[in-house]
Protein backbone atom coordinates (compact mmCIF):
# COMPACT_ATOMS: atom_id res chain seq x y z
CA UNK A 1 -57.41 14.26 -49.28
CA UNK A 2 -60.59 14.51 -51.35
CA UNK A 3 -60.25 17.74 -53.36
CA UNK A 4 -62.58 17.19 -56.29
CA UNK A 5 -64.43 20.46 -57.08
CA UNK A 6 -63.00 22.13 -53.96
CA UNK A 7 -61.32 25.55 -54.01
CA UNK A 8 -57.56 25.49 -53.47
CA UNK A 9 -55.04 28.34 -53.43
CA UNK A 10 -51.46 28.34 -54.73
CA UNK A 11 -49.37 31.44 -54.00
CA UNK A 12 -46.54 31.72 -56.50
CA UNK A 13 -46.19 31.38 -60.25
CA UNK A 14 -42.86 29.64 -60.85
CA UNK A 15 -41.93 26.12 -61.88
CA UNK A 16 -42.13 24.81 -58.30
CA UNK A 17 -45.67 26.17 -58.01
CA UNK A 18 -46.48 24.58 -61.38
CA UNK A 19 -45.62 21.12 -60.04
CA UNK A 20 -47.96 21.59 -57.09
CA UNK A 21 -50.72 22.96 -59.32
CA UNK A 22 -50.42 19.94 -61.62
CA UNK A 23 -51.04 17.59 -58.68
CA UNK A 24 -54.08 19.59 -57.54
CA UNK A 25 -55.56 19.72 -61.03
CA UNK A 26 -55.09 15.96 -61.38
CA UNK A 27 -57.00 15.55 -58.10
CA UNK A 28 -59.92 17.51 -59.58
CA UNK A 29 -59.45 20.66 -57.48
CA UNK A 30 -60.49 24.15 -58.57
CA UNK A 31 -57.18 25.98 -58.37
CA UNK A 32 -56.59 29.69 -58.01
CA UNK A 33 -53.03 30.92 -58.53
CA UNK A 34 -52.04 34.29 -57.06
CA UNK A 35 -48.85 35.73 -58.56
CA UNK A 36 -47.79 38.83 -60.51
CA UNK A 37 -46.29 36.57 -63.20
CA UNK A 38 -46.65 32.97 -64.38
CA UNK A 39 -44.22 30.46 -65.83
CA UNK A 40 -45.00 28.94 -69.23
CA UNK A 41 -46.68 25.84 -67.78
CA UNK A 42 -49.06 27.83 -65.60
CA UNK A 43 -49.72 30.36 -68.33
CA UNK A 44 -50.92 27.53 -70.58
CA UNK A 45 -53.15 26.05 -67.86
CA UNK A 46 -54.69 29.49 -67.31
CA UNK A 47 -55.22 29.98 -71.05
CA UNK A 48 -56.93 26.57 -71.26
CA UNK A 49 -59.23 27.48 -68.38
CA UNK A 50 -57.91 24.74 -66.08
CA UNK A 51 -56.92 27.24 -63.39
CA UNK A 52 -57.82 30.82 -62.50
CA UNK A 53 -55.10 33.46 -62.18
CA UNK A 54 -55.07 36.59 -60.04
CA UNK A 55 -52.31 38.83 -61.45
CA UNK A 56 -51.15 40.51 -58.26
CA UNK A 57 -49.39 39.96 -54.96
CA UNK A 58 -50.90 37.83 -52.20
CA UNK A 59 -53.57 39.37 -49.97
CA UNK A 60 -54.77 37.99 -46.66
CA UNK A 61 -58.32 37.54 -47.94
CA UNK A 62 -57.10 35.16 -50.67
CA UNK A 63 -57.29 32.21 -48.29
CA UNK A 64 -60.99 32.79 -47.53
CA UNK A 65 -63.18 29.77 -48.28
CA UNK A 66 -60.26 27.64 -49.44
CA UNK A 67 -59.96 23.92 -48.67
CA UNK A 68 -56.18 23.86 -48.98
CA UNK A 69 -53.35 26.38 -49.36
CA UNK A 70 -49.87 26.09 -50.88
CA UNK A 71 -47.16 28.77 -50.68
CA UNK A 72 -44.50 28.41 -53.37
CA UNK A 73 -42.86 31.81 -53.68
CA UNK A 74 -39.22 32.82 -53.33
CA UNK A 75 -40.12 35.42 -50.70
CA UNK A 76 -39.74 34.21 -47.12
CA UNK A 77 -42.00 36.88 -45.64
CA UNK A 78 -44.86 35.99 -47.98
CA UNK A 79 -44.49 32.26 -47.31
CA UNK A 80 -44.49 32.81 -43.57
CA UNK A 81 -47.54 35.07 -43.78
CA UNK A 82 -49.49 32.49 -45.80
CA UNK A 83 -48.54 29.78 -43.31
CA UNK A 84 -49.51 31.85 -40.27
CA UNK A 85 -52.90 32.81 -41.70
CA UNK A 86 -53.68 29.22 -42.68
CA UNK A 87 -52.72 27.90 -39.24
CA UNK A 88 -54.92 30.52 -37.56
CA UNK A 89 -57.89 29.30 -39.59
CA UNK A 90 -57.00 25.60 -39.26
CA UNK A 91 -56.54 25.25 -43.02
CA UNK A 92 -54.15 22.62 -44.42
CA UNK A 93 -51.07 24.49 -45.62
CA UNK A 94 -47.90 23.44 -47.40
CA UNK A 95 -44.90 25.75 -47.79
CA UNK A 96 -42.48 24.37 -50.35
CA UNK A 97 -39.12 23.27 -48.90
CA UNK A 98 -39.99 24.63 -45.43
CA UNK A 99 -41.44 21.71 -43.45
CA UNK A 100 -41.47 23.74 -40.23
CA UNK A 101 -44.15 25.98 -41.78
CA UNK A 102 -46.29 23.09 -43.07
CA UNK A 103 -49.27 21.31 -41.59
CA UNK A 104 -48.99 18.61 -44.27
CA UNK A 105 -46.38 17.29 -46.69
CA UNK A 106 -46.98 16.57 -50.37
CA UNK A 107 -45.20 13.28 -51.07
CA UNK A 108 -43.89 11.99 -54.36
CA UNK A 109 -46.65 9.88 -55.87
CA UNK A 110 -46.82 6.72 -57.91
CA UNK A 111 -50.26 6.85 -59.48
CA UNK A 112 -51.82 3.57 -60.54
CA UNK A 113 -55.34 4.74 -59.79
CA UNK A 114 -57.05 3.63 -57.70
CA UNK A 115 -53.73 2.37 -56.30
CA UNK A 116 -51.69 5.23 -54.86
CA UNK A 117 -48.18 4.92 -53.44
CA UNK A 118 -46.81 7.91 -51.54
CA UNK A 119 -43.12 8.40 -50.77
CA UNK A 120 -42.21 11.06 -48.23
CA UNK A 121 -39.08 12.15 -46.40
CA UNK A 122 -41.07 14.47 -44.15
CA UNK A 123 -39.90 17.42 -46.23
CA UNK A 124 -36.24 16.82 -45.39
CA UNK A 125 -35.08 15.45 -48.76
CA UNK A 126 -37.67 15.89 -51.56
CA UNK A 127 -35.09 15.12 -54.28
CA UNK A 128 -34.43 11.73 -52.64
CA UNK A 129 -38.18 11.04 -52.55
CA UNK A 130 -38.43 11.77 -56.27
CA UNK A 131 -35.45 9.49 -56.97
CA UNK A 132 -37.08 6.65 -55.03
CA UNK A 133 -40.32 7.22 -56.88
CA UNK A 134 -38.53 6.98 -60.23
CA UNK A 135 -36.95 3.69 -59.20
CA UNK A 136 -40.20 2.22 -57.89
CA UNK A 137 -42.16 3.25 -61.00
CA UNK A 138 -40.57 0.41 -62.97
CA UNK A 139 -41.53 -2.15 -60.30
CA UNK A 140 -45.23 -1.28 -60.20
CA UNK A 141 -46.91 -2.10 -63.53
CA UNK A 142 -49.84 0.05 -64.65
CA UNK A 143 -51.96 -3.12 -64.57
CA UNK A 144 -52.16 -2.87 -60.79
CA UNK A 145 -54.65 -0.04 -61.20
CA UNK A 146 -56.87 -2.16 -63.47
CA UNK A 147 -56.50 -5.08 -61.07
CA UNK A 148 -57.66 -2.92 -58.16
CA UNK A 149 -60.71 -1.79 -60.16
CA UNK A 150 -61.56 -5.41 -60.97
CA UNK A 151 -61.34 -6.34 -57.29
CA UNK A 152 -63.50 -3.37 -56.35
CA UNK A 153 -66.21 -4.50 -58.76
CA UNK A 154 -66.39 -7.87 -56.97
CA UNK A 155 -66.15 -6.69 -53.36
CA UNK A 156 -69.88 -6.97 -52.68
CA UNK A 157 -70.10 -10.41 -54.28
CA UNK A 158 -67.17 -11.65 -52.20
CA UNK A 159 -68.76 -10.26 -49.03
CA UNK A 160 -71.98 -12.12 -49.83
CA UNK A 161 -70.06 -15.32 -50.50
CA UNK A 162 -67.88 -15.14 -47.38
CA UNK A 163 -69.41 -13.97 -44.13
CA UNK A 164 -66.09 -14.10 -42.28
CA UNK A 165 -63.47 -11.35 -42.75
CA UNK A 166 -60.61 -13.84 -42.49
CA UNK A 167 -62.12 -16.02 -45.23
CA UNK A 168 -62.47 -13.01 -47.49
CA UNK A 169 -58.85 -12.00 -46.94
CA UNK A 170 -57.61 -15.48 -47.71
CA UNK A 171 -59.73 -15.67 -50.84
CA UNK A 172 -58.18 -12.47 -52.19
CA UNK A 173 -54.64 -13.40 -51.16
CA UNK A 174 -54.77 -16.82 -52.82
CA UNK A 175 -56.31 -15.27 -55.91
CA UNK A 176 -53.72 -12.50 -56.23
CA UNK A 177 -50.92 -14.99 -55.68
CA UNK A 178 -52.19 -17.03 -58.60
CA UNK A 179 -52.98 -16.55 -62.27
CA UNK A 180 -55.30 -13.54 -62.12
CA UNK A 181 -52.54 -10.98 -61.59
CA UNK A 182 -50.46 -12.44 -64.41
CA UNK A 183 -53.46 -12.26 -66.76
CA UNK A 184 -53.90 -8.57 -65.96
CA UNK A 185 -50.20 -7.86 -66.44
CA UNK A 186 -50.35 -9.38 -69.93
CA UNK A 187 -53.45 -7.40 -70.91
CA UNK A 188 -55.91 -10.30 -70.71
CA UNK A 189 -58.42 -8.39 -68.59
CA UNK A 190 -61.50 -10.31 -69.73
CA UNK A 191 -59.88 -13.67 -69.02
CA UNK A 192 -58.89 -12.37 -65.59
CA UNK A 193 -62.53 -11.45 -64.93
CA UNK A 194 -63.67 -14.93 -65.98
CA UNK A 195 -61.00 -16.46 -63.74
CA UNK A 196 -62.23 -14.41 -60.79
CA UNK A 197 -65.85 -15.32 -61.46
CA UNK A 198 -65.04 -19.04 -61.60
CA UNK A 199 -62.94 -18.87 -58.44
CA UNK A 200 -65.80 -17.20 -56.59
CA UNK A 201 -68.41 -19.68 -57.84
CA UNK A 202 -66.26 -22.65 -56.85
CA UNK A 203 -65.27 -21.28 -53.43
CA UNK A 204 -66.61 -23.09 -50.37
CA UNK A 205 -67.88 -20.63 -47.83
CA UNK A 206 -67.88 -23.28 -45.11
CA UNK A 207 -64.41 -24.61 -45.76
CA UNK A 208 -62.14 -24.40 -42.77
CA UNK A 209 -58.86 -22.58 -43.24
CA UNK A 210 -55.89 -24.94 -43.37
CA UNK A 211 -52.96 -23.84 -41.23
CA UNK A 212 -49.34 -23.94 -42.28
CA UNK A 213 -45.99 -23.12 -40.68
CA UNK A 214 -43.25 -21.18 -42.46
CA UNK A 215 -39.88 -21.78 -40.81
CA UNK A 216 -37.87 -18.75 -41.91
CA UNK A 217 -34.24 -17.87 -41.38
CA UNK A 218 -34.07 -14.14 -40.62
CA UNK A 219 -30.32 -13.93 -41.17
CA UNK A 220 -27.77 -12.35 -38.83
CA UNK A 221 -29.49 -8.96 -38.42
CA UNK A 222 -29.31 -6.80 -41.54
CA UNK A 223 -32.86 -6.79 -43.01
CA UNK A 224 -31.43 -6.42 -46.54
CA UNK A 225 -30.13 -10.00 -46.25
CA UNK A 226 -33.63 -11.53 -46.18
CA UNK A 227 -34.60 -13.61 -49.19
CA UNK A 228 -37.48 -12.58 -51.47
CA UNK A 229 -39.30 -15.76 -50.51
CA UNK A 230 -38.96 -15.02 -46.80
CA UNK A 231 -40.40 -11.54 -47.27
CA UNK A 232 -43.33 -12.85 -49.31
CA UNK A 233 -44.27 -15.44 -46.66
CA UNK A 234 -43.82 -12.93 -43.84
CA UNK A 235 -46.47 -10.78 -45.53
CA UNK A 236 -48.92 -13.72 -45.41
CA UNK A 237 -48.54 -14.41 -41.69
CA UNK A 238 -51.50 -14.53 -39.32
CA UNK A 239 -49.09 -14.90 -36.43
CA UNK A 240 -45.31 -14.66 -36.06
CA UNK A 241 -43.37 -16.61 -33.43
CA UNK A 242 -39.96 -14.98 -33.13
CA UNK A 243 -36.66 -15.33 -31.31
CA UNK A 244 -34.55 -12.85 -29.37
CA UNK A 245 -32.02 -12.48 -32.20
CA UNK A 246 -34.60 -11.30 -34.75
CA UNK A 247 -34.03 -7.57 -35.19
CA UNK A 248 -36.87 -5.10 -34.83
CA UNK A 249 -36.27 -3.91 -38.41
CA UNK A 250 -37.01 -7.43 -39.67
CA UNK A 251 -40.08 -7.75 -37.43
CA UNK A 252 -41.39 -4.56 -39.01
CA UNK A 253 -41.50 -6.40 -42.35
CA UNK A 254 -44.06 -8.92 -41.07
CA UNK A 255 -47.67 -8.23 -41.99
CA UNK A 256 -48.69 -5.30 -39.82
CA UNK A 257 -51.78 -6.89 -38.25
CA UNK A 258 -50.17 -10.28 -37.56
CA UNK A 259 -50.17 -11.44 -33.95
CA UNK A 260 -46.67 -11.49 -32.45
CA UNK A 261 -45.48 -14.06 -29.94
CA UNK A 262 -42.02 -13.71 -28.41
CA UNK A 263 -40.27 -16.97 -27.50
CA UNK A 264 -36.74 -15.66 -27.12
CA UNK A 265 -34.08 -17.57 -25.24
CA UNK A 266 -31.11 -16.29 -23.31
CA UNK A 267 -28.66 -18.39 -21.35
CA UNK A 268 -30.49 -19.69 -18.26
CA UNK A 269 -33.58 -17.64 -19.18
CA UNK A 270 -35.98 -19.27 -21.62
CA UNK A 271 -39.36 -17.65 -22.26
CA UNK A 272 -40.65 -21.05 -23.41
CA UNK A 273 -38.93 -24.42 -23.51
CA UNK A 274 -38.21 -25.86 -26.96
CA UNK A 275 -40.88 -28.50 -26.45
CA UNK A 276 -43.46 -25.85 -25.64
CA UNK A 277 -42.45 -23.88 -28.73
CA UNK A 278 -42.92 -27.00 -30.85
CA UNK A 279 -46.39 -27.57 -29.43
CA UNK A 280 -47.27 -23.87 -29.82
CA UNK A 281 -46.58 -24.09 -33.56
CA UNK A 282 -48.79 -27.18 -33.81
CA UNK A 283 -51.65 -25.55 -31.90
CA UNK A 284 -51.58 -22.35 -33.96
CA UNK A 285 -51.52 -24.27 -37.24
CA UNK A 286 -54.42 -26.48 -36.14
CA UNK A 287 -56.39 -23.29 -35.49
CA UNK A 288 -56.09 -22.63 -39.23
CA UNK A 289 -53.44 -19.93 -38.94
CA UNK A 290 -50.49 -19.30 -41.19
CA UNK A 291 -47.60 -19.23 -38.76
CA UNK A 292 -44.23 -17.63 -39.46
CA UNK A 293 -41.55 -19.12 -37.21
CA UNK A 294 -38.87 -16.45 -37.47
CA UNK A 295 -35.38 -17.48 -36.33
CA UNK A 296 -32.10 -15.60 -36.37
CA UNK A 297 -29.55 -16.86 -38.89
CA UNK A 298 -30.47 -20.12 -40.62
CA UNK A 299 -33.07 -22.42 -39.01
CA UNK A 300 -31.03 -25.57 -39.73
CA UNK A 301 -27.70 -24.32 -38.33
CA UNK A 302 -27.94 -24.42 -34.51
CA UNK A 303 -31.48 -23.10 -34.83
CA UNK A 304 -33.33 -26.28 -33.77
CA UNK A 305 -35.30 -26.16 -36.98
CA UNK A 306 -35.02 -29.91 -37.36
CA UNK A 307 -36.63 -30.47 -33.95
CA UNK A 308 -39.51 -28.16 -34.81
CA UNK A 309 -40.37 -29.68 -38.18
CA UNK A 310 -40.15 -33.18 -36.70
CA UNK A 311 -42.98 -32.23 -34.35
CA UNK A 312 -44.92 -30.66 -37.23
CA UNK A 313 -44.56 -33.83 -39.30
CA UNK A 314 -45.69 -36.01 -36.41
CA UNK A 315 -48.86 -33.91 -36.19
CA UNK A 316 -49.53 -33.76 -39.93
CA UNK A 317 -48.92 -30.01 -40.17
CA UNK A 318 -47.95 -28.60 -43.55
CA UNK A 319 -44.77 -26.51 -43.48
CA UNK A 320 -42.14 -24.76 -45.57
CA UNK A 321 -38.52 -24.02 -44.69
CA UNK A 322 -36.80 -20.89 -45.97
CA UNK A 323 -33.02 -20.83 -45.50
CA UNK A 324 -31.35 -17.72 -44.12
CA UNK A 325 -27.79 -16.45 -44.13
CA UNK A 326 -26.20 -18.07 -41.13
CA UNK A 327 -24.44 -15.86 -38.58
CA UNK A 328 -21.01 -17.31 -39.36
CA UNK A 329 -21.20 -16.34 -43.01
CA UNK A 330 -22.85 -12.97 -42.48
CA UNK A 331 -20.66 -11.82 -39.60
CA UNK A 332 -17.44 -13.02 -41.20
CA UNK A 333 -18.28 -11.28 -44.47
CA UNK A 334 -19.23 -7.99 -42.82
CA UNK A 335 -16.00 -8.03 -40.78
CA UNK A 336 -13.76 -8.75 -43.76
CA UNK A 337 -12.76 -12.25 -42.67
CA UNK A 338 -13.02 -14.87 -45.44
CA UNK A 339 -13.87 -18.18 -43.82
CA UNK A 340 -11.75 -19.97 -46.41
CA UNK A 341 -8.72 -18.77 -48.38
CA UNK A 342 -6.32 -20.94 -50.35
CA UNK A 343 -3.31 -19.39 -48.62
CA UNK A 344 -4.75 -19.66 -45.10
CA UNK A 345 -7.58 -22.18 -44.66
CA UNK A 346 -8.97 -24.93 -46.85
CA UNK A 347 -11.83 -25.93 -44.55
CA UNK A 348 -14.25 -24.36 -42.11
CA UNK A 349 -16.09 -25.88 -39.15
CA UNK A 350 -19.18 -24.51 -37.41
CA UNK A 351 -19.57 -25.57 -33.78
CA UNK A 352 -21.84 -24.53 -30.93
CA UNK A 353 -20.19 -23.30 -27.78
CA UNK A 354 -22.40 -25.28 -25.43
CA UNK A 355 -24.39 -28.49 -25.54
CA UNK A 356 -27.93 -29.07 -24.33
CA UNK A 357 -26.70 -29.81 -20.81
CA UNK A 358 -24.66 -26.58 -20.72
CA UNK A 359 -21.25 -28.23 -20.99
CA UNK A 360 -18.49 -27.50 -23.51
CA UNK A 361 -17.46 -30.98 -24.65
CA UNK A 362 -16.17 -30.97 -28.24
CA UNK A 363 -13.81 -33.02 -30.38
CA UNK A 364 -10.88 -30.71 -29.70
CA UNK A 365 -8.39 -32.87 -31.58
CA UNK A 366 -10.40 -32.55 -34.80
CA UNK A 367 -10.94 -28.82 -34.28
CA UNK A 368 -7.29 -27.97 -33.54
CA UNK A 369 -6.30 -28.61 -37.12
CA UNK A 370 -3.91 -26.39 -39.12
CA UNK A 371 -5.28 -24.55 -42.16
CA UNK A 372 -8.81 -24.73 -40.77
CA UNK A 373 -11.21 -21.99 -39.66
CA UNK A 374 -13.39 -22.63 -36.59
CA UNK A 375 -16.53 -20.61 -35.96
CA UNK A 376 -18.06 -20.85 -32.49
CA UNK A 377 -21.72 -20.00 -31.99
CA UNK A 378 -22.96 -19.13 -28.48
CA UNK A 379 -19.46 -19.55 -27.11
CA UNK A 380 -18.78 -16.51 -24.92
CA UNK A 381 -19.32 -18.28 -21.61
CA UNK A 382 -16.83 -21.02 -22.55
CA UNK A 383 -13.93 -19.02 -24.00
CA UNK A 384 -11.61 -20.11 -21.17
CA UNK A 385 -12.14 -23.80 -21.93
CA UNK A 386 -12.06 -23.09 -25.65
CA UNK A 387 -8.66 -21.40 -25.70
CA UNK A 388 -7.15 -23.87 -23.23
CA UNK A 389 -8.25 -26.97 -25.17
CA UNK A 390 -7.31 -25.66 -28.62
CA UNK A 391 -3.79 -24.79 -27.44
CA UNK A 392 -3.54 -28.08 -25.58
CA UNK A 393 -4.40 -29.98 -28.77
CA UNK A 394 -1.89 -28.24 -30.99
CA UNK A 395 -2.93 -24.73 -32.05
CA UNK A 396 -0.36 -22.01 -31.28
CA UNK A 397 -1.35 -19.63 -28.50
CA UNK A 398 -0.77 -16.83 -31.03
CA UNK A 399 -3.54 -18.10 -33.33
CA UNK A 400 -5.67 -15.05 -34.16
CA UNK A 401 -9.27 -14.84 -32.99
CA UNK A 402 -11.97 -12.53 -34.30
CA UNK A 403 -14.91 -11.57 -32.06
CA UNK A 404 -17.88 -10.15 -33.99
CA UNK A 405 -20.68 -8.74 -31.84
CA UNK A 406 -24.06 -7.91 -33.44
CA UNK A 407 -22.59 -8.59 -36.86
CA UNK A 408 -24.08 -7.08 -40.05
CA UNK A 409 -25.92 -4.40 -38.05
CA UNK A 410 -25.05 -0.77 -37.45
CA UNK A 411 -23.93 -1.84 -33.95
CA UNK A 412 -21.33 -4.30 -35.22
CA UNK A 413 -18.12 -4.53 -33.18
CA UNK A 414 -15.08 -6.45 -34.43
CA UNK A 415 -12.33 -7.17 -31.90
CA UNK A 416 -9.17 -9.03 -32.84
CA UNK A 417 -7.18 -10.98 -30.25
CA UNK A 418 -5.49 -14.40 -30.02
CA UNK A 419 -6.09 -17.65 -28.15
CA UNK A 420 -3.73 -16.69 -25.33
CA UNK A 421 -5.61 -13.45 -24.59
CA UNK A 422 -9.11 -14.54 -25.61
CA UNK A 423 -10.68 -14.89 -22.17
CA UNK A 424 -9.14 -11.63 -20.92
CA UNK A 425 -10.34 -9.75 -24.03
CA UNK A 426 -13.94 -10.97 -23.66
CA UNK A 427 -14.01 -9.71 -20.05
CA UNK A 428 -12.20 -6.45 -20.77
CA UNK A 429 -14.44 -5.56 -23.72
CA UNK A 430 -17.58 -6.66 -21.84
CA UNK A 431 -18.78 -8.60 -24.88
CA UNK A 432 -22.37 -9.81 -24.84
CA UNK A 433 -24.41 -12.11 -27.09
CA UNK A 434 -24.90 -12.29 -29.97
CA UNK A 435 -21.18 -12.66 -30.63
CA UNK A 436 -19.57 -15.00 -33.15
CA UNK A 437 -16.03 -16.24 -32.41
CA UNK A 438 -13.81 -16.95 -35.42
CA UNK A 439 -10.53 -18.83 -34.82
CA UNK A 440 -7.87 -19.24 -37.49
CA UNK A 441 -5.20 -17.49 -39.52
CA UNK A 442 -7.85 -16.06 -41.89
CA UNK A 443 -8.62 -13.56 -39.12
CA UNK A 444 -5.38 -11.77 -40.09
CA UNK A 445 -7.07 -10.68 -43.33
CA UNK A 446 -9.43 -8.42 -41.40
CA UNK A 447 -6.72 -5.75 -41.35
CA UNK A 448 -6.79 -5.36 -45.13
CA UNK A 449 -10.23 -6.65 -46.15
CA UNK A 450 -12.58 -4.95 -43.68
CA UNK A 451 -15.11 -2.88 -45.64
CA UNK A 452 -18.23 -2.42 -43.51
CA UNK A 453 -18.16 0.64 -41.30
CA UNK A 454 -21.20 0.95 -39.01
CA UNK A 455 -22.64 4.41 -38.58
CA UNK A 456 -22.22 6.20 -35.24
CA UNK A 457 -25.30 6.74 -33.11
CA UNK A 458 -27.15 3.63 -34.25
CA UNK A 459 -30.03 2.04 -32.36
CA UNK A 460 -28.38 0.52 -29.27
CA UNK A 461 -30.87 -2.36 -29.16
CA UNK A 462 -31.48 -3.67 -32.68
CA UNK A 463 -32.35 -7.17 -31.52
CA UNK A 464 -35.55 -8.39 -29.95
CA UNK A 465 -37.25 -5.11 -29.10
CA UNK A 466 -40.23 -5.18 -26.78
CA UNK A 467 -41.76 -8.66 -26.58
CA UNK A 468 -45.33 -8.93 -27.85
CA UNK A 469 -47.64 -11.71 -26.75
């Protein structure tokens, strides 16, 4: 809110009021403090002439002709009166630690003027907001403010050079991803200005944007498991093509104004065929767009990433591949089941529960091997065949099986059974995809090694969300 040279009122003279006054003074406001007494900080500001002080209790007329009002007293009746009067007159009002009486919240601020970062908990946990601000302070160098001022000084020149908004955005993004930011961070402001000037002079206004595809593994569901590289490329996306198993929390990390195209697949229900998805990526890239292809888990482990980049290569499309934590690793870890353990299993095999034609035709003899962990992807529909064939080829019917549904998310379910009861358990528990099936003696370790306890009342539908086209 623009408060420079505008009259603002703070009711209260304690240390809490002093913090609010300091923010208003920094914003250039003309601050009047109404309070019978003042703390040392406010007394000094009044003595220096930076604020005016009315040495008395609050009166209704104090809010006349004010642009903004803050109540910071320890008297509930006074705070409520200030709030009611301000609401009647449609004045912005903040009552400290009482969000129900506020029309606005004052967030914790990271000030790298003109860059401002606000952190708010909606008034519910101001101490937490201040803690987050303190942690973020070290990640945001002061040079970002100088960098923003440099960019501002060249905005008109860049607009004259590039008539198209998309070209201007790309120019700035490529510049900020290069040397100019590093020059500012190391105090070489003049060199950074020269770098910017040269980049602008050498830019081709008529050059067509070159498209690229970023094939990114989104991991098993927990957004904290994304790689730094994945997050950086997701912020560059012009369009994101995403699968059903990409959680809404991860989708929220994609650049806000990126176009979203849902191509999710369920058994016997494919939004687009794989071939059509491949061609969609080619078409979008040829239109000059930066395309994020967001896939659950890892794109090269049962994610058909190889098929997609083959098509991209055939069409001369530039691409990058960013690995993700595959579902087997993520779900096993979050359920306390080590996939290998020297006392239980010396090897691990990842297999898909169905082939392209829908059958379950695997090398059961090789899978039914002692001291080996088997992880089945997309295997729920074939658990009857799975348990029958593994027992038939040598595994005891008592071999433990772990079923991990929506692993790594707050909706994670871990169910332990054995091969003999596997099919019955899946039906009884009404398990649905995505569910990873882990077979082997390592599953026994879940009893002692489980550590992740999902919170009750979590979002019942963390995957997919509403499709956007």
